[in-house]
């Protein structure tokens, strides 16, 4: 009789488990709605460009003509070459503009 009684009771639905599943589903839905509401209220921050900005130009000394690019030439040798060119042209060095100096091989 006990076995038959247990078999009859197991065929009835378990409402406690169903209620727990429903409460869990409602809790998950409430959390999802809150998360969406927070993301809508949050202001979007502007995207900062990752490309590095150009370096600001350094002020040049009065009477100079800017920068000189040196390619495999020490600065002392470049200064001597610039002085020789200015002397041969009979011009002041600050009136000449050297763009780059490279050793010819």
PDB file of N, CA and C in Angstrom:
ATOM      1  N   UNK A   1       0.803  -1.171   0.000  1.00  0.00           N
ATOM      2  CA  UNK A   1       0.000   0.000   0.000  1.00  0.00           C
ATOM      3  C   UNK A   1       0.864   1.260   0.000  1.00  0.00           C
ATOM      4  N   UNK A   2       1.958   1.222   0.711  1.00  0.00           N
ATOM      5  CA  UNK A   2       2.841   2.374   0.748  1.00  0.00           C
ATOM      6  C   UNK A   2       3.466   2.640  -0.614  1.00  0.00           C
ATOM      7  N   UNK A   3       3.794   1.613  -1.314  1.00  0.00           N
ATOM      8  CA  UNK A   3       4.392   1.782  -2.642  1.00  0.00           C
ATOM      9  C   UNK A   3       3.382   2.402  -3.586  1.00  0.00           C
ATOM     10  N   UNK A   4       2.175   1.957  -3.544  1.00  0.00           N
ATOM     11  CA  UNK A   4       1.123   2.497  -4.383  1.00  0.00           C
ATOM     12  C   UNK A   4       0.835   3.948  -4.023  1.00  0.00           C
ATOM     13  N   UNK A   5       0.857   4.248  -2.759  1.00  0.00           N
ATOM     14  CA  UNK A   5       0.613   5.607  -2.307  1.00  0.00           C
ATOM     15  C   UNK A   5       1.726   6.548  -2.802  1.00  0.00           C
ATOM     16  N   UNK A   6       2.974   6.142  -2.785  1.00  0.00           N
ATOM     17  CA  UNK A   6       4.102   6.950  -3.250  1.00  0.00           C
ATOM     18  C   UNK A   6       4.017   7.149  -4.752  1.00  0.00           C
ATOM     19  N   UNK A   7       3.559   6.146  -5.481  1.00  0.00           N
ATOM     20  CA  UNK A   7       3.439   6.267  -6.929  1.00  0.00           C
ATOM     21  C   UNK A   7       2.349   7.255  -7.292  1.00  0.00           C
ATOM     22  N   UNK A   8       1.291   7.321  -6.550  1.00  0.00           N
ATOM     23  CA  UNK A   8       0.205   8.248  -6.819  1.00  0.00           C
ATOM     24  C   UNK A   8       0.654   9.676  -6.533  1.00  0.00           C
ATOM     25  N   UNK A   9       1.432   9.890  -5.502  1.00  0.00           N
ATOM     26  CA  UNK A   9       1.888  11.229  -5.151  1.00  0.00           C
ATOM     27  C   UNK A   9       2.922  11.763  -6.143  1.00  0.00           C
ATOM     28  N   UNK A  10       3.742  10.920  -6.724  1.00  0.00           N
ATOM     29  CA  UNK A  10       4.787  11.385  -7.636  1.00  0.00           C
ATOM     30  C   UNK A  10       4.212  11.840  -8.976  1.00  0.00           C
ATOM     31  N   UNK A  11       3.009  11.471  -9.326  1.00  0.00           N
ATOM     32  CA  UNK A  11       2.427  11.897 -10.587  1.00  0.00           C
ATOM     33  C   UNK A  11       1.878  13.312 -10.504  1.00  0.00           C
ATOM     34  N   UNK A  12       1.731  13.848  -9.329  1.00  0.00           N
ATOM     35  CA  UNK A  12       1.251  15.213  -9.196  1.00  0.00           C
ATOM     36  C   UNK A  12       2.408  16.181  -9.462  1.00  0.00           C
ATOM     37  N   UNK A  13       2.125  17.299 -10.117  1.00  0.00           N
ATOM     38  CA  UNK A  13       3.203  18.246 -10.415  1.00  0.00           C
ATOM     39  C   UNK A  13       3.771  18.861  -9.143  1.00  0.00           C
ATOM     40  N   UNK A  14       5.062  19.184  -9.184  1.00  0.00           N
ATOM     41  CA  UNK A  14       5.744  19.769  -8.041  1.00  0.00           C
ATOM     42  C   UNK A  14       5.696  21.285  -8.194  1.00  0.00           C
ATOM     43  N   UNK A  15       4.763  21.933  -7.544  1.00  0.00           N
ATOM     44  CA  UNK A  15       4.531  23.363  -7.689  1.00  0.00           C
ATOM     45  C   UNK A  15       5.624  24.201  -7.030  1.00  0.00           C
ATOM     46  N   UNK A  16       6.295  23.665  -6.072  1.00  0.00           N
ATOM     47  CA  UNK A  16       7.364  24.410  -5.393  1.00  0.00           C
ATOM     48  C   UNK A  16       8.533  24.632  -6.359  1.00  0.00           C
ATOM     49  N   UNK A  17       8.912  23.602  -7.061  1.00  0.00           N
ATOM     50  CA  UNK A  17      10.015  23.725  -8.024  1.00  0.00           C
ATOM     51  C   UNK A  17       9.631  24.676  -9.156  1.00  0.00           C
ATOM     52  N   UNK A  18       8.385  24.597  -9.608  1.00  0.00           N
ATOM     53  CA  UNK A  18       7.921  25.497 -10.667  1.00  0.00           C
ATOM     54  C   UNK A  18       7.952  26.952 -10.199  1.00  0.00           C
ATOM     55  N   UNK A  19       7.539  27.183  -8.961  1.00  0.00           N
ATOM     56  CA  UNK A  19       7.546  28.539  -8.405  1.00  0.00           C
ATOM     57  C   UNK A  19       8.974  29.073  -8.299  1.00  0.00           C
ATOM     58  N   UNK A  20       9.921  28.232  -7.910  1.00  0.00           N
ATOM     59  CA  UNK A  20      11.321  28.656  -7.798  1.00  0.00           C
ATOM     60  C   UNK A  20      11.895  29.021  -9.168  1.00  0.00           C
ATOM     61  N   UNK A  21      11.565  28.248 -10.182  1.00  0.00           N
ATOM     62  CA  UNK A  21      12.041  28.532 -11.533  1.00  0.00           C
ATOM     63  C   UNK A  21      11.459  29.854 -12.034  1.00  0.00           C
ATOM     64  N   UNK A  22      10.180  30.093 -11.758  1.00  0.00           N
ATOM     65  CA  UNK A  22       9.553  31.350 -12.171  1.00  0.00           C
ATOM     66  C   UNK A  22      10.178  32.549 -11.464  1.00  0.00           C
ATOM     67  N   UNK A  23      10.452  32.437 -10.175  1.00  0.00           N
ATOM     68  CA  UNK A  23      11.079  33.529  -9.425  1.00  0.00           C
ATOM     69  C   UNK A  23      12.475  33.801  -9.978  1.00  0.00           C
ATOM     70  N   UNK A  24      13.206  32.781 -10.289  1.00  0.00           N
ATOM     71  CA  UNK A  24      14.545  32.940 -10.862  1.00  0.00           C
ATOM     72  C   UNK A  24      14.472  33.626 -12.227  1.00  0.00           C
ATOM     73  N   UNK A  25      13.512  33.249 -13.060  1.00  0.00           N
ATOM     74  CA  UNK A  25      13.362  33.868 -14.380  1.00  0.00           C
ATOM     75  C   UNK A  25      12.991  35.344 -14.257  1.00  0.00           C
ATOM     76  N   UNK A  26      12.134  35.684 -13.310  1.00  0.00           N
ATOM     77  CA  UNK A  26      11.759  37.084 -13.102  1.00  0.00           C
ATOM     78  C   UNK A  26      12.962  37.882 -12.616  1.00  0.00           C
ATOM     79  N   UNK A  27      13.761  37.316 -11.737  1.00  0.00           N
ATOM     80  CA  UNK A  27      14.943  38.019 -11.225  1.00  0.00           C
ATOM     81  C   UNK A  27      15.944  38.307 -12.354  1.00  0.00           C
ATOM     82  N   UNK A  28      16.145  37.341 -13.230  1.00  0.00           N
ATOM     83  CA  UNK A  28      17.058  37.532 -14.368  1.00  0.00           C
ATOM     84  C   UNK A  28      16.514  38.608 -15.304  1.00  0.00           C
ATOM     85  N   UNK A  29      15.224  38.618 -15.538  1.00  0.00           N
ATOM     86  CA  UNK A  29      14.620  39.621 -16.418  1.00  0.00           C
ATOM     87  C   UNK A  29      14.753  41.021 -15.821  1.00  0.00           C
ATOM     88  N   UNK A  30      14.550  41.161 -14.506  1.00  0.00           N
ATOM     89  CA  UNK A  30      14.677  42.469 -13.853  1.00  0.00           C
ATOM     90  C   UNK A  30      16.111  42.970 -13.950  1.00  0.00           C
ATOM     91  N   UNK A  31      17.079  42.097 -13.748  1.00  0.00           N
ATOM     92  CA  UNK A  31      18.486  42.506 -13.846  1.00  0.00           C
ATOM     93  C   UNK A  31      18.827  42.950 -15.262  1.00  0.00           C
ATOM     94  N   UNK A  32      18.308  42.252 -16.272  1.00  0.00           N
ATOM     95  CA  UNK A  32      18.578  42.629 -17.658  1.00  0.00           C
ATOM     96  C   UNK A  32      17.967  43.986 -17.985  1.00  0.00           C
ATOM     97  N   UNK A  33      16.776  44.250 -17.500  1.00  0.00           N
ATOM     98  CA  UNK A  33      16.112  45.541 -17.749  1.00  0.00           C
ATOM     99  C   UNK A  33      16.880  46.674 -17.071  1.00  0.00           C
ATOM    100  N   UNK A  34      17.344  46.453 -15.850  1.00  0.00           N
ATOM    101  CA  UNK A  34      18.132  47.478 -15.151  1.00  0.00           C
ATOM    102  C   UNK A  34      19.428  47.790 -15.894  1.00  0.00           C
ATOM    103  N   UNK A  35      20.073  46.760 -16.391  1.00  0.00           N
ATOM    104  CA  UNK A  35      21.337  46.961 -17.106  1.00  0.00           C
ATOM    105  C   UNK A  35      21.112  47.782 -18.372  1.00  0.00           C
ATOM    106  N   UNK A  36      20.045  47.505 -19.091  1.00  0.00           N
ATOM    107  CA  UNK A  36      19.739  48.268 -20.300  1.00  0.00           C
ATOM    108  C   UNK A  36      19.403  49.709 -19.961  1.00  0.00           C
ATOM    109  N   UNK A  37      18.684  49.930 -18.873  1.00  0.00           N
ATOM    110  CA  UNK A  37      18.314  51.295 -18.472  1.00  0.00           C
ATOM    111  C   UNK A  37      19.561  52.088 -18.082  1.00  0.00           C
ATOM    112  N   UNK A  38      20.498  51.470 -17.400  1.00  0.00           N
ATOM    113  CA  UNK A  38      21.735  52.156 -17.017  1.00  0.00           C
ATOM    114  C   UNK A  38      22.571  52.509 -18.242  1.00  0.00           C
ATOM    115  N   UNK A  39      22.622  51.606 -19.209  1.00  0.00           N
ATOM    116  CA  UNK A  39      23.433  51.879 -20.395  1.00  0.00           C
ATOM    117  C   UNK A  39      22.812  52.978 -21.253  1.00  0.00           C
ATOM    118  N   UNK A  40      21.501  53.119 -21.253  1.00  0.00           N
ATOM    119  CA  UNK A  40      20.843  54.199 -21.999  1.00  0.00           C
ATOM    120  C   UNK A  40      21.068  55.542 -21.325  1.00  0.00           C
ATOM    121  N   UNK A  41      21.058  55.567 -19.979  1.00  0.00           N
ATOM    122  CA  UNK A  41      21.236  56.808 -19.240  1.00  0.00           C
ATOM    123  C   UNK A  41      22.687  57.272 -19.255  1.00  0.00           C
ATOM    124  N   UNK A  42      23.601  56.363 -19.459  1.00  0.00           N
ATOM    125  CA  UNK A  42      25.023  56.702 -19.440  1.00  0.00           C
ATOM    126  C   UNK A  42      25.368  57.500 -20.695  1.00  0.00           C
ATOM    127  N   UNK A  43      26.030  58.642 -20.503  1.00  0.00           N
ATOM    128  CA  UNK A  43      26.426  59.464 -21.641  1.00  0.00           C
ATOM    129  C   UNK A  43      27.606  58.813 -22.334  1.00  0.00           C
ATOM    130  N   UNK A  44      27.575  58.852 -23.645  1.00  0.00           N
ATOM    131  CA  UNK A  44      28.683  58.298 -24.408  1.00  0.00           C
ATOM    132  C   UNK A  44      29.831  59.292 -24.409  1.00  0.00           C
ATOM    133  N   UNK A  45      31.010  58.811 -24.025  1.00  0.00           N
ATOM    134  CA  UNK A  45      32.187  59.666 -24.009  1.00  0.00           C
ATOM    135  C   UNK A  45      32.769  59.736 -25.410  1.00  0.00           C
ATOM    136  N   UNK A  46      33.286  60.902 -25.802  1.00  0.00           N
ATOM    137  CA  UNK A  46      33.867  60.997 -27.142  1.00  0.00           C
ATOM    138  C   UNK A  46      35.101  60.101 -27.260  1.00  0.00           C
ATOM    139  N   UNK A  47      35.263  59.543 -28.425  1.00  0.00           N
ATOM    140  CA  UNK A  47      36.386  58.649 -28.671  1.00  0.00           C
ATOM    141  C   UNK A  47      37.636  59.489 -28.911  1.00  0.00           C
ATOM    142  N   UNK A  48      38.678  59.189 -28.169  1.00  0.00           N
ATOM    143  CA  UNK A  48      39.934  59.912 -28.312  1.00  0.00           C
ATOM    144  C   UNK A  48      40.714  59.279 -29.457  1.00  0.00           C
ATOM    145  N   UNK A  49      41.161  60.079 -30.423  1.00  0.00           N
ATOM    146  CA  UNK A  49      41.901  59.493 -31.535  1.00  0.00           C
ATOM    147  C   UNK A  49      43.217  58.893 -31.055  1.00  0.00           C
ATOM    148  N   UNK A  50      43.556  57.732 -31.605  1.00  0.00           N
ATOM    149  CA  UNK A  50      44.784  57.070 -31.210  1.00  0.00           C
ATOM    150  C   UNK A  50      45.961  57.481 -32.076  1.00  0.00           C
ATOM    151  N   UNK A  51      45.705  58.249 -33.118  1.00  0.00           N
ATOM    152  CA  UNK A  51      46.779  58.708 -33.985  1.00  0.00           C
ATOM    153  C   UNK A  51      47.523  59.820 -33.251  1.00  0.00           C
ATOM    154  N   UNK A  52      48.830  59.693 -33.112  1.00  0.00           N
ATOM    155  CA  UNK A  52      49.557  60.742 -32.401  1.00  0.00           C
ATOM    156  C   UNK A  52      49.530  62.048 -33.181  1.00  0.00           C
ATOM    157  N   UNK A  53      49.340  63.119 -32.445  1.00  0.00           N
ATOM    158  CA  UNK A  53      49.300  64.437 -33.075  1.00  0.00           C
ATOM    159  C   UNK A  53      50.705  64.844 -33.494  1.00  0.00           C
ATOM    160  N   UNK A  54      50.766  65.725 -34.466  1.00  0.00           N
ATOM    161  CA  UNK A  54      52.065  66.205 -34.911  1.00  0.00           C
ATOM    162  C   UNK A  54      52.716  66.995 -33.790  1.00  0.00           C
ATOM    163  N   UNK A  55      54.021  66.851 -33.693  1.00  0.00           N
ATOM    164  CA  UNK A  55      54.745  67.589 -32.667  1.00  0.00           C
ATOM    165  C   UNK A  55      54.725  69.070 -33.021  1.00  0.00           C
ATOM    166  N   UNK A  56      54.536  69.916 -32.026  1.00  0.00           N
ATOM    167  CA  UNK A  56      54.564  71.343 -32.329  1.00  0.00           C
ATOM    168  C   UNK A  56      55.972  71.757 -32.756  1.00  0.00           C
ATOM    169  N   UNK A  57      56.023  72.645 -33.695  1.00  0.00           N
ATOM    170  CA  UNK A  57      57.320  73.082 -34.202  1.00  0.00           C
ATOM    171  C   UNK A  57      58.026  73.915 -33.142  1.00  0.00           C
ATOM    172  N   UNK A  58      59.296  73.620 -32.979  1.00  0.00           N
ATOM    173  CA  UNK A  58      60.098  74.369 -32.026  1.00  0.00           C
ATOM    174  C   UNK A  58      60.469  75.705 -32.668  1.00  0.00           C
ATOM    175  N   UNK A  59      60.506  76.753 -31.879  1.00  0.00           N
ATOM    176  CA  UNK A  59      60.880  78.041 -32.462  1.00  0.00           C
ATOM    177  C   UNK A  59      62.349  78.014 -32.886  1.00  0.00           C
ATOM    178  N   UNK A  60      62.616  78.571 -34.042  1.00  0.00           N
ATOM    179  CA  UNK A  60      63.987  78.588 -34.553  1.00  0.00           C
ATOM    180  C   UNK A  60      64.678  79.872 -34.099  1.00  0.00           C
ATOM    181  N   UNK A  61      65.974  79.797 -34.033  1.00  0.00           N
ATOM    182  CA  UNK A  61      66.760  80.959 -33.621  1.00  0.00           C
ATOM    183  C   UNK A  61      66.651  82.045 -34.683  1.00  0.00           C
ATOM    184  N   UNK A  62      66.729  83.302 -34.284  1.00  0.00           N
ATOM    185  CA  UNK A  62      66.644  84.382 -35.270  1.00  0.00           C
ATOM    186  C   UNK A  62      67.778  84.274 -36.290  1.00  0.00           C
ATOM    187  N   UNK A  63      67.442  84.395 -37.544  1.00  0.00           N
ATOM    188  CA  UNK A  63      68.430  84.337 -38.610  1.00  0.00           C
ATOM    189  C   UNK A  63      68.722  82.936 -39.098  1.00  0.00           C
ATOM    190  N   UNK A  64      68.118  81.911 -38.489  1.00  0.00           N
ATOM    191  CA  UNK A  64      68.372  80.543 -38.952  1.00  0.00           C
ATOM    192  C   UNK A  64      67.348  80.167 -40.004  1.00  0.00           C
ATOM    193  N   UNK A  65      67.651  79.110 -40.739  1.00  0.00           N
ATOM    194  CA  UNK A  65      66.772  78.689 -41.822  1.00  0.00           C
ATOM    195  C   UNK A  65      66.084  77.365 -41.513  1.00  0.00           C
ATOM    196  N   UNK A  66      66.044  76.943 -40.258  1.00  0.00           N
ATOM    197  CA  UNK A  66      65.310  75.731 -39.901  1.00  0.00           C
ATOM    198  C   UNK A  66      66.210  74.557 -39.595  1.00  0.00           C
ATOM    199  N   UNK A  67      65.669  73.359 -39.740  1.00  0.00           N
ATOM    200  CA  UNK A  67      66.353  72.119 -39.402  1.00  0.00           C
ATOM    201  C   UNK A  67      67.119  71.558 -40.592  1.00  0.00           C
ATOM    202  N   UNK A  68      68.170  70.794 -40.291  1.00  0.00           N
ATOM    203  CA  UNK A  68      68.952  70.097 -41.307  1.00  0.00           C
ATOM    204  C   UNK A  68      68.878  68.616 -40.982  1.00  0.00           C
ATOM    205  N   UNK A  69      68.537  67.792 -41.961  1.00  0.00           N
ATOM    206  CA  UNK A  69      68.502  66.341 -41.761  1.00  0.00           C
ATOM    207  C   UNK A  69      69.884  65.794 -42.084  1.00  0.00           C
ATOM    208  N   UNK A  70      70.458  65.067 -41.120  1.00  0.00           N
ATOM    209  CA  UNK A  70      71.781  64.469 -41.302  1.00  0.00           C
ATOM    210  C   UNK A  70      71.626  62.978 -41.522  1.00  0.00           C
ATOM    211  N   UNK A  71      72.184  62.475 -42.606  1.00  0.00           N
ATOM    212  CA  UNK A  71      72.114  61.051 -42.947  1.00  0.00           C
ATOM    213  C   UNK A  71      73.516  60.463 -42.860  1.00  0.00           C
ATOM    214  N   UNK A  72      73.797  59.735 -41.780  1.00  0.00           N
ATOM    215  CA  UNK A  72      75.085  59.081 -41.539  1.00  0.00           C
ATOM    216  C   UNK A  72      76.254  60.062 -41.573  1.00  0.00           C
ATOM    217  N   UNK A  73      76.050  61.273 -41.085  1.00  0.00           N
ATOM    218  CA  UNK A  73      77.106  62.283 -41.015  1.00  0.00           C
ATOM    219  C   UNK A  73      77.100  62.827 -39.591  1.00  0.00           C
ATOM    220  N   UNK A  74      78.261  62.869 -38.920  1.00  0.00           N
ATOM    221  CA  UNK A  74      78.303  63.443 -37.573  1.00  0.00           C
ATOM    222  C   UNK A  74      78.049  64.951 -37.618  1.00  0.00           C
ATOM    223  N   UNK A  75      77.476  65.518 -36.580  1.00  0.00           N
ATOM    224  CA  UNK A  75      77.159  66.951 -36.577  1.00  0.00           C
ATOM    225  C   UNK A  75      78.382  67.854 -36.783  1.00  0.00           C
ATOM    226  N   UNK A  76      79.531  67.443 -36.254  1.00  0.00           N
ATOM    227  CA  UNK A  76      80.741  68.268 -36.418  1.00  0.00           C
ATOM    228  C   UNK A  76      81.145  68.352 -37.886  1.00  0.00           C
ATOM    229  N   UNK A  77      81.088  67.235 -38.597  1.00  0.00           N
ATOM    230  CA  UNK A  77      81.417  67.222 -40.033  1.00  0.00           C
ATOM    231  C   UNK A  77      80.411  68.054 -40.822  1.00  0.00           C
ATOM    232  N   UNK A  78      79.134  67.948 -40.467  1.00  0.00           N
ATOM    233  CA  UNK A  78      78.107  68.727 -41.157  1.00  0.00           C
ATOM    234  C   UNK A  78      78.332  70.217 -40.957  1.00  0.00           C
ATOM    235  N   UNK A  79      78.707  70.631 -39.750  1.00  0.00           N
ATOM    236  CA  UNK A  79      78.962  72.048 -39.487  1.00  0.00           C
ATOM    237  C   UNK A  79      80.154  72.546 -40.305  1.00  0.00           C
ATOM    238  N   UNK A  80      81.197  71.712 -40.423  1.00  0.00           N
ATOM    239  CA  UNK A  80      82.366  72.115 -41.225  1.00  0.00           C
ATOM    240  C   UNK A  80      81.989  72.238 -42.695  1.00  0.00           C
ATOM    241  N   UNK A  81      81.195  71.323 -43.207  1.00  0.00           N
ATOM    242  CA  UNK A  81      80.773  71.389 -44.615  1.00  0.00           C
ATOM    243  C   UNK A  81      79.928  72.640 -44.873  1.00  0.00           C
ATOM    244  N   UNK A  82      79.049  72.954 -43.953  1.00  0.00           N
ATOM    245  CA  UNK A  82      78.224  74.151 -44.121  1.00  0.00           C
ATOM    246  C   UNK A  82      79.083  75.415 -44.112  1.00  0.00           C
ATOM    247  N   UNK A  83      80.095  75.441 -43.272  1.00  0.00           N
ATOM    248  CA  UNK A  83      80.984  76.608 -43.218  1.00  0.00           C
ATOM    249  C   UNK A  83      81.801  76.730 -44.501  1.00  0.00           C
ATOM    250  N   UNK A  84      82.254  75.605 -45.044  1.00  0.00           N
ATOM    251  CA  UNK A  84      83.032  75.622 -46.296  1.00  0.00           C
ATOM    252  C   UNK A  84      82.168  76.113 -47.441  1.00  0.00           C
ATOM    253  N   UNK A  85      80.911  75.624 -47.529  1.00  0.00           N
ATOM    254  CA  UNK A  85      80.012  76.053 -48.608  1.00  0.00           C
ATOM    255  C   UNK A  85      79.733  77.547 -48.502  1.00  0.00           C
ATOM    256  N   UNK A  86      79.485  78.044 -47.295  1.00  0.00           N
ATOM    257  CA  UNK A  86      79.219  79.466 -47.106  1.00  0.00           C
ATOM    258  C   UNK A  86      80.430  80.304 -47.497  1.00  0.00           C
ATOM    259  N   UNK A  87      81.638  79.822 -47.187  1.00  0.00           N
ATOM    260  CA  UNK A  87      82.853  80.557 -47.534  1.00  0.00           C
ATOM    261  C   UNK A  87      83.059  80.584 -49.038  1.00  0.00           C
ATOM    262  N   UNK A  88      82.867  79.436 -49.727  1.00  0.00           N
ATOM    263  CA  UNK A  88      83.058  79.376 -51.186  1.00  0.00           C
ATOM    264  C   UNK A  88      82.044  80.253 -51.916  1.00  0.00           C
ATOM    265  N   UNK A  89      80.802  80.335 -51.371  1.00  0.00           N
ATOM    266  CA  UNK A  89      79.764  81.139 -52.021  1.00  0.00           C
ATOM    267  C   UNK A  89      79.853  82.610 -51.605  1.00  0.00           C
ATOM    268  N   UNK A  90      80.693  82.891 -50.624  1.00  0.00           N
ATOM    269  CA  UNK A  90      80.870  84.233 -50.090  1.00  0.00           C
ATOM    270  C   UNK A  90      79.534  84.824 -49.627  1.00  0.00           C
ATOM    271  N   UNK A  91      78.782  83.986 -48.902  1.00  0.00           N
ATOM    272  CA  UNK A  91      77.489  84.378 -48.328  1.00  0.00           C
ATOM    273  C   UNK A  91      77.545  84.100 -46.821  1.00  0.00           C
ATOM    274  N   UNK A  92      76.828  84.860 -46.028  1.00  0.00           N
ATOM    275  CA  UNK A  92      76.748  84.530 -44.603  1.00  0.00           C
ATOM    276  C   UNK A  92      75.992  83.207 -44.417  1.00  0.00           C
ATOM    277  N   UNK A  93      76.393  82.449 -43.430  1.00  0.00           N
ATOM    278  CA  UNK A  93      75.801  81.128 -43.186  1.00  0.00           C
ATOM    279  C   UNK A  93      74.312  81.213 -42.879  1.00  0.00           C
ATOM    280  N   UNK A  94      73.861  82.285 -42.235  1.00  0.00           N
ATOM    281  CA  UNK A  94      72.444  82.380 -41.885  1.00  0.00           C
ATOM    282  C   UNK A  94      71.562  82.725 -43.083  1.00  0.00           C
ATOM    283  N   UNK A  95      72.145  83.016 -44.235  1.00  0.00           N
ATOM    284  CA  UNK A  95      71.360  83.264 -45.445  1.00  0.00           C
ATOM    285  C   UNK A  95      71.221  82.011 -46.305  1.00  0.00           C
ATOM    286  N   UNK A  96      71.958  80.988 -45.963  1.00  0.00           N
ATOM    287  CA  UNK A  96      71.883  79.728 -46.717  1.00  0.00           C
ATOM    288  C   UNK A  96      70.931  78.766 -45.997  1.00  0.00           C
ATOM    289  N   UNK A  97      70.264  77.945 -46.792  1.00  0.00           N
ATOM    290  CA  UNK A  97      69.361  76.956 -46.210  1.00  0.00           C
ATOM    291  C   UNK A  97      69.812  75.569 -46.649  1.00  0.00           C
ATOM    292  N   UNK A  98      70.205  74.758 -45.687  1.00  0.00           N
ATOM    293  CA  UNK A  98      70.606  73.381 -45.941  1.00  0.00           C
ATOM    294  C   UNK A  98      69.445  72.483 -45.556  1.00  0.00           C
ATOM    295  N   UNK A  99      68.999  71.655 -46.486  1.00  0.00           N
ATOM    296  CA  UNK A  99      67.863  70.767 -46.226  1.00  0.00           C
ATOM    297  C   UNK A  99      68.346  69.453 -45.624  1.00  0.00           C
ATOM    298  N   UNK A 100      69.325  68.821 -46.251  1.00  0.00           N
ATOM    299  CA  UNK A 100      69.871  67.568 -45.718  1.00  0.00           C
ATOM    300  C   UNK A 100      71.317  67.427 -46.159  1.00  0.00           C
ATOM    301  N   UNK A 101      72.078  66.695 -45.376  1.00  0.00           N
ATOM    302  CA  UNK A 101      73.471  66.412 -45.696  1.00  0.00           C
ATOM    303  C   UNK A 101      73.650  64.898 -45.630  1.00  0.00           C
ATOM    304  N   UNK A 102      74.154  64.321 -46.718  1.00  0.00           N
ATOM    305  CA  UNK A 102      74.323  62.870 -46.817  1.00  0.00           C
ATOM    306  C   UNK A 102      75.683  62.596 -47.434  1.00  0.00           C
ATOM    307  N   UNK A 103      76.360  61.589 -46.908  1.00  0.00           N
ATOM    308  CA  UNK A 103      77.668  61.212 -47.450  1.00  0.00           C
ATOM    309  C   UNK A 103      77.478  60.461 -48.762  1.00  0.00           C
ATOM    310  N   UNK A 104      78.172  60.903 -49.802  1.00  0.00           N
ATOM    311  CA  UNK A 104      78.121  60.216 -51.093  1.00  0.00           C
ATOM    312  C   UNK A 104      79.146  59.113 -51.110  1.00  0.00           C
ATOM    313  N   UNK A 105      78.733  57.931 -51.500  1.00  0.00           N
ATOM    314  CA  UNK A 105      79.656  56.788 -51.537  1.00  0.00           C
ATOM    315  C   UNK A 105      80.008  56.412 -52.947  1.00  0.00           C
TER     316      UNK A 105
END
